Amino acid sequence: MITRCFKITGRVQGVFFRDSTQSKATGLGLTGSATNLADGSVRVIARGNESEINELLNWLQVGPEMSVVERVDEVDIGDDLEFNDFTVG
């Protein structure tokens, strides 16, 4: 299991980005979280198998229908986080 953190910028707040991310991640068997940040971006932390996280990353680069993803950056994060499910914050 690995943990990766992504910061997604663009029109990603107010377009069901976090809820859609939760659905996609849960469907892939991932745990983690999706959180709105004060700068208008969304932070996604995903824990699971690398192939499923890469599939989520591919999805994050497009996002749900009403979003406009400008950029997805991987952000360093400690690998010691534990999640029981995928939450929206």
C-alpha atoms as a PDB file:
ATOM      1  CA  MET A   1       0.000   0.000   0.000  1.00  0.00           C
ATOM      2  CA  ILE A   2       1.119   3.513  -0.802  1.00  0.00           C
ATOM      3  CA  THR A   3      -0.203   6.969   0.028  1.00  0.00           C
ATOM      4  CA  ARG A   4      -0.175   9.846  -2.433  1.00  0.00           C
ATOM      5  CA  CYS A   5      -1.417  13.410  -2.142  1.00  0.00           C
ATOM      6  CA  PHE A   6      -2.580  15.579  -5.031  1.00  0.00           C
ATOM      7  CA  LYS A   7      -3.472  19.257  -5.278  1.00  0.00           C
ATOM      8  CA  ILE A   8      -5.960  19.971  -8.038  1.00  0.00           C
ATOM      9  CA  THR A   9      -6.372  23.529  -9.314  1.00  0.00           C
ATOM     10  CA  GLY A  10      -8.875  25.082 -11.692  1.00  0.00           C
ATOM     11  CA  ARG A  11     -12.651  25.253 -11.336  1.00  0.00           C
ATOM     12  CA  VAL A  12     -12.819  22.434  -8.814  1.00  0.00           C
ATOM     13  CA  GLN A  13     -14.920  23.861  -5.983  1.00  0.00           C
ATOM     14  CA  GLY A  14     -18.694  24.053  -6.177  1.00  0.00           C
ATOM     15  CA  VAL A  15     -18.843  21.478  -9.008  1.00  0.00           C
ATOM     16  CA  PHE A  16     -19.185  18.241  -6.976  1.00  0.00           C
ATOM     17  CA  PHE A  17     -15.470  17.518  -7.385  1.00  0.00           C
ATOM     18  CA  ARG A  18     -14.987  16.123  -3.869  1.00  0.00           C
ATOM     19  CA  ASP A  19     -18.117  13.953  -3.938  1.00  0.00           C
ATOM     20  CA  SER A  20     -17.269  12.637  -7.400  1.00  0.00           C
ATOM     21  CA  THR A  21     -13.714  11.922  -6.261  1.00  0.00           C
ATOM     22  CA  GLN A  22     -15.061  10.019  -3.270  1.00  0.00           C
ATOM     23  CA  SER A  23     -17.246   7.879  -5.537  1.00  0.00           C
ATOM     24  CA  LYS A  24     -14.386   7.146  -7.936  1.00  0.00           C
ATOM     25  CA  ALA A  25     -11.896   6.377  -5.142  1.00  0.00           C
ATOM     26  CA  THR A  26     -14.339   4.144  -3.269  1.00  0.00           C
ATOM     27  CA  GLY A  27     -15.070   2.277  -6.483  1.00  0.00           C
ATOM     28  CA  LEU A  28     -11.340   1.674  -6.887  1.00  0.00           C
ATOM     29  CA  GLY A  29     -11.055   0.377  -3.315  1.00  0.00           C
ATOM     30  CA  LEU A  30      -9.010   3.359  -2.110  1.00  0.00           C
ATOM     31  CA  THR A  31      -9.162   5.118   1.224  1.00  0.00           C
ATOM     32  CA  GLY A  32      -8.258   8.743   1.922  1.00  0.00           C
ATOM     33  CA  SER A  33      -9.903  12.142   1.696  1.00  0.00           C
ATOM     34  CA  ALA A  34     -10.836  15.055  -0.554  1.00  0.00           C
ATOM     35  CA  THR A  35     -10.776  18.530   0.981  1.00  0.00           C
ATOM     36  CA  ASN A  36     -11.402  22.050  -0.305  1.00  0.00           C
ATOM     37  CA  LEU A  37      -8.477  24.399   0.361  1.00  0.00           C
ATOM     38  CA  ALA A  38      -8.696  28.137   1.037  1.00  0.00           C
ATOM     39  CA  ASP A  39      -6.944  28.982  -2.253  1.00  0.00           C
ATOM     40  CA  GLY A  40      -9.781  27.422  -4.296  1.00  0.00           C
ATOM     41  CA  SER A  41      -8.015  24.131  -4.972  1.00  0.00           C
ATOM     42  CA  VAL A  42      -8.832  20.628  -3.760  1.00  0.00           C
ATOM     43  CA  ARG A  43      -6.444  18.299  -1.910  1.00  0.00           C
ATOM     44  CA  VAL A  44      -6.898  14.579  -2.443  1.00  0.00           C
ATOM     45  CA  ILE A  45      -5.087  12.008  -0.317  1.00  0.00           C
ATOM     46  CA  ALA A  46      -5.357   8.444  -1.582  1.00  0.00           C
ATOM     47  CA  ARG A  47      -4.115   5.223  -0.015  1.00  0.00           C
ATOM     48  CA  GLY A  48      -4.128   1.864  -1.755  1.00  0.00           C
ATOM     49  CA  ASN A  49      -2.430  -0.082  -4.514  1.00  0.00           C
ATOM     50  CA  GLU A  50      -0.326   1.930  -6.932  1.00  0.00           C
ATOM     51  CA  SER A  51      -2.285   0.879 -10.031  1.00  0.00           C
ATOM     52  CA  GLU A  52      -5.596   2.071  -8.547  1.00  0.00           C
ATOM     53  CA  ILE A  53      -4.038   5.333  -7.362  1.00  0.00           C
ATOM     54  CA  ASN A  54      -2.683   5.905 -10.871  1.00  0.00           C
ATOM     55  CA  GLU A  55      -6.175   5.273 -12.245  1.00  0.00           C
ATOM     56  CA  LEU A  56      -7.554   7.854  -9.805  1.00  0.00           C
ATOM     57  CA  LEU A  57      -4.835  10.301 -10.906  1.00  0.00           C
ATOM     58  CA  ASN A  58      -5.904   9.877 -14.536  1.00  0.00           C
ATOM     59  CA  TRP A  59      -9.484  10.622 -13.486  1.00  0.00           C
ATOM     60  CA  LEU A  60      -8.416  13.661 -11.389  1.00  0.00           C
ATOM     61  CA  GLN A  61      -6.829  15.201 -14.474  1.00  0.00           C
ATOM     62  CA  VAL A  62     -10.313  15.430 -16.010  1.00  0.00           C
ATOM     63  CA  GLY A  63     -12.657  15.443 -13.005  1.00  0.00           C
ATOM     64  CA  PRO A  64     -16.461  15.518 -13.091  1.00  0.00           C
ATOM     65  CA  GLU A  65     -18.419  17.088 -15.941  1.00  0.00           C
ATOM     66  CA  MET A  66     -18.772  20.627 -14.567  1.00  0.00           C
ATOM     67  CA  SER A  67     -15.154  20.981 -13.424  1.00  0.00           C
ATOM     68  CA  VAL A  68     -12.282  22.530 -15.342  1.00  0.00           C
ATOM     69  CA  VAL A  69      -9.029  20.985 -14.153  1.00  0.00           C
ATOM     70  CA  GLU A  70      -6.065  23.204 -14.926  1.00  0.00           C
ATOM     71  CA  ARG A  71      -3.401  21.327 -13.038  1.00  0.00           C
ATOM     72  CA  VAL A  72      -2.790  18.294 -10.817  1.00  0.00           C
ATOM     73  CA  ASP A  73       0.359  18.377  -8.689  1.00  0.00           C
ATOM     74  CA  GLU A  74       1.622  15.582  -6.515  1.00  0.00           C
ATOM     75  CA  VAL A  75       2.410  16.855  -3.035  1.00  0.00           C
ATOM     76  CA  ASP A  76       4.695  15.104  -0.577  1.00  0.00           C
ATOM     77  CA  ILE A  77       2.965  13.651   2.449  1.00  0.00           C
ATOM     78  CA  GLY A  78       3.927  11.261   5.216  1.00  0.00           C
ATOM     79  CA  ASP A  79       3.175   7.623   4.488  1.00  0.00           C
ATOM     80  CA  ASP A  80       2.109   6.996   8.091  1.00  0.00           C
ATOM     81  CA  LEU A  81      -1.489   8.193   7.662  1.00  0.00           C
ATOM     82  CA  GLU A  82      -4.260   5.689   8.287  1.00  0.00           C
ATOM     83  CA  PHE A  83      -7.721   5.810   6.720  1.00  0.00           C
ATOM     84  CA  ASN A  84     -10.702   3.516   7.204  1.00  0.00           C
ATOM     85  CA  ASP A  85     -12.652   4.856   4.215  1.00  0.00           C
ATOM     86  CA  PHE A  86     -12.682   7.794   1.795  1.00  0.00           C
ATOM     87  CA  THR A  87     -14.030  10.985   3.354  1.00  0.00           C
ATOM     88  CA  VAL A  88     -14.993  14.428   2.114  1.00  0.00           C
ATOM     89  CA  GLY A  89     -13.914  17.351   4.246  1.00  0.00           C
END
